[in-house]
Amino acid sequence: MATRGPVVPEVPFGVDERVAVVLRPLKEAVEVAGGMRGDGLDRYVRIRDLVRWGLLTQEEAEQG
């Protein structure tokens, strides 16, 4: 599966551990949801995907 979106950087060395314990799971959640790691079945589906798969028209997508 291709990477979707920008790479999420590692938590920098030297960051306060109280902040790092929050950043690490956030990084993992973003990567899993974006399909960058983990099981592809756990990634989110974007409106763009629905349009590409023909499940939604561009006009429907733009209506919000």
Protein backbone atom coordinates (compact mmCIF):
# COMPACT_ATOMS: atom_id res chain seq x y z
CA MET A 1 0.00 0.00 0.00
CA ALA A 2 1.31 3.43 -0.88
CA THR A 3 2.02 5.97 1.81
CA ARG A 4 -0.81 8.42 2.21
CA GLY A 5 0.18 11.89 3.24
CA PRO A 6 3.36 13.17 4.86
CA VAL A 7 5.53 11.02 7.07
CA VAL A 8 4.93 11.71 10.75
CA PRO A 9 8.29 12.55 12.33
CA GLU A 10 9.64 10.70 15.34
CA VAL A 11 9.26 12.32 18.74
CA PRO A 12 12.49 14.32 19.09
CA PHE A 13 15.11 13.21 21.59
CA GLY A 14 15.11 15.41 24.65
CA VAL A 15 11.38 16.19 24.63
CA ASP A 16 9.97 16.20 28.14
CA GLU A 17 8.78 12.65 28.89
CA ARG A 18 5.37 13.96 29.97
CA VAL A 19 4.92 15.33 26.46
CA ALA A 20 6.49 12.32 24.74
CA VAL A 21 4.01 9.89 26.34
CA VAL A 22 1.24 11.84 24.62
CA LEU A 23 3.02 12.32 21.28
CA ARG A 24 3.99 8.66 20.74
CA PRO A 25 0.42 7.25 20.73
CA LEU A 26 -0.78 10.22 18.68
CA LYS A 27 1.90 9.47 16.09
CA GLU A 28 0.86 5.82 15.99
CA ALA A 29 -2.84 6.67 15.69
CA VAL A 30 -2.19 9.06 12.78
CA GLU A 31 0.00 6.49 11.01
CA VAL A 32 -2.53 3.65 11.43
CA ALA A 33 -5.49 5.81 10.39
CA GLY A 34 -3.55 7.11 7.41
CA GLY A 35 -2.59 3.63 6.27
CA MET A 36 1.13 4.22 6.81
CA ARG A 37 1.49 1.30 9.24
CA GLY A 38 -0.50 -1.52 10.73
CA ASP A 39 -3.40 -3.37 9.16
CA GLY A 40 -4.77 -1.63 6.08
CA LEU A 41 -8.28 -2.52 7.21
CA ASP A 42 -7.85 -0.08 10.10
CA ARG A 43 -7.17 2.98 7.94
CA TYR A 44 -9.73 5.71 7.50
CA VAL A 45 -11.67 6.16 4.26
CA ARG A 46 -11.47 9.65 2.81
CA ILE A 47 -14.16 11.36 0.76
CA ARG A 48 -11.63 11.31 -2.08
CA ASP A 49 -11.60 7.49 -1.85
CA LEU A 50 -15.39 7.33 -2.09
CA VAL A 51 -15.33 9.51 -5.22
CA ARG A 52 -12.52 7.48 -6.78
CA TRP A 53 -14.42 4.23 -6.12
CA GLY A 54 -17.58 5.67 -7.68
CA LEU A 55 -19.57 5.56 -4.44
CA LEU A 56 -19.98 9.33 -4.34
CA THR A 57 -20.00 11.93 -7.10
CA GLN A 58 -17.71 14.95 -7.05
CA GLU A 59 -20.78 17.16 -6.71
CA GLU A 60 -22.02 15.20 -3.69
CA ALA A 61 -18.58 15.39 -2.11
CA GLU A 62 -18.41 19.15 -2.55
CA GLN A 63 -21.78 19.65 -0.82
CA GLY A 64 -20.16 18.63 2.44
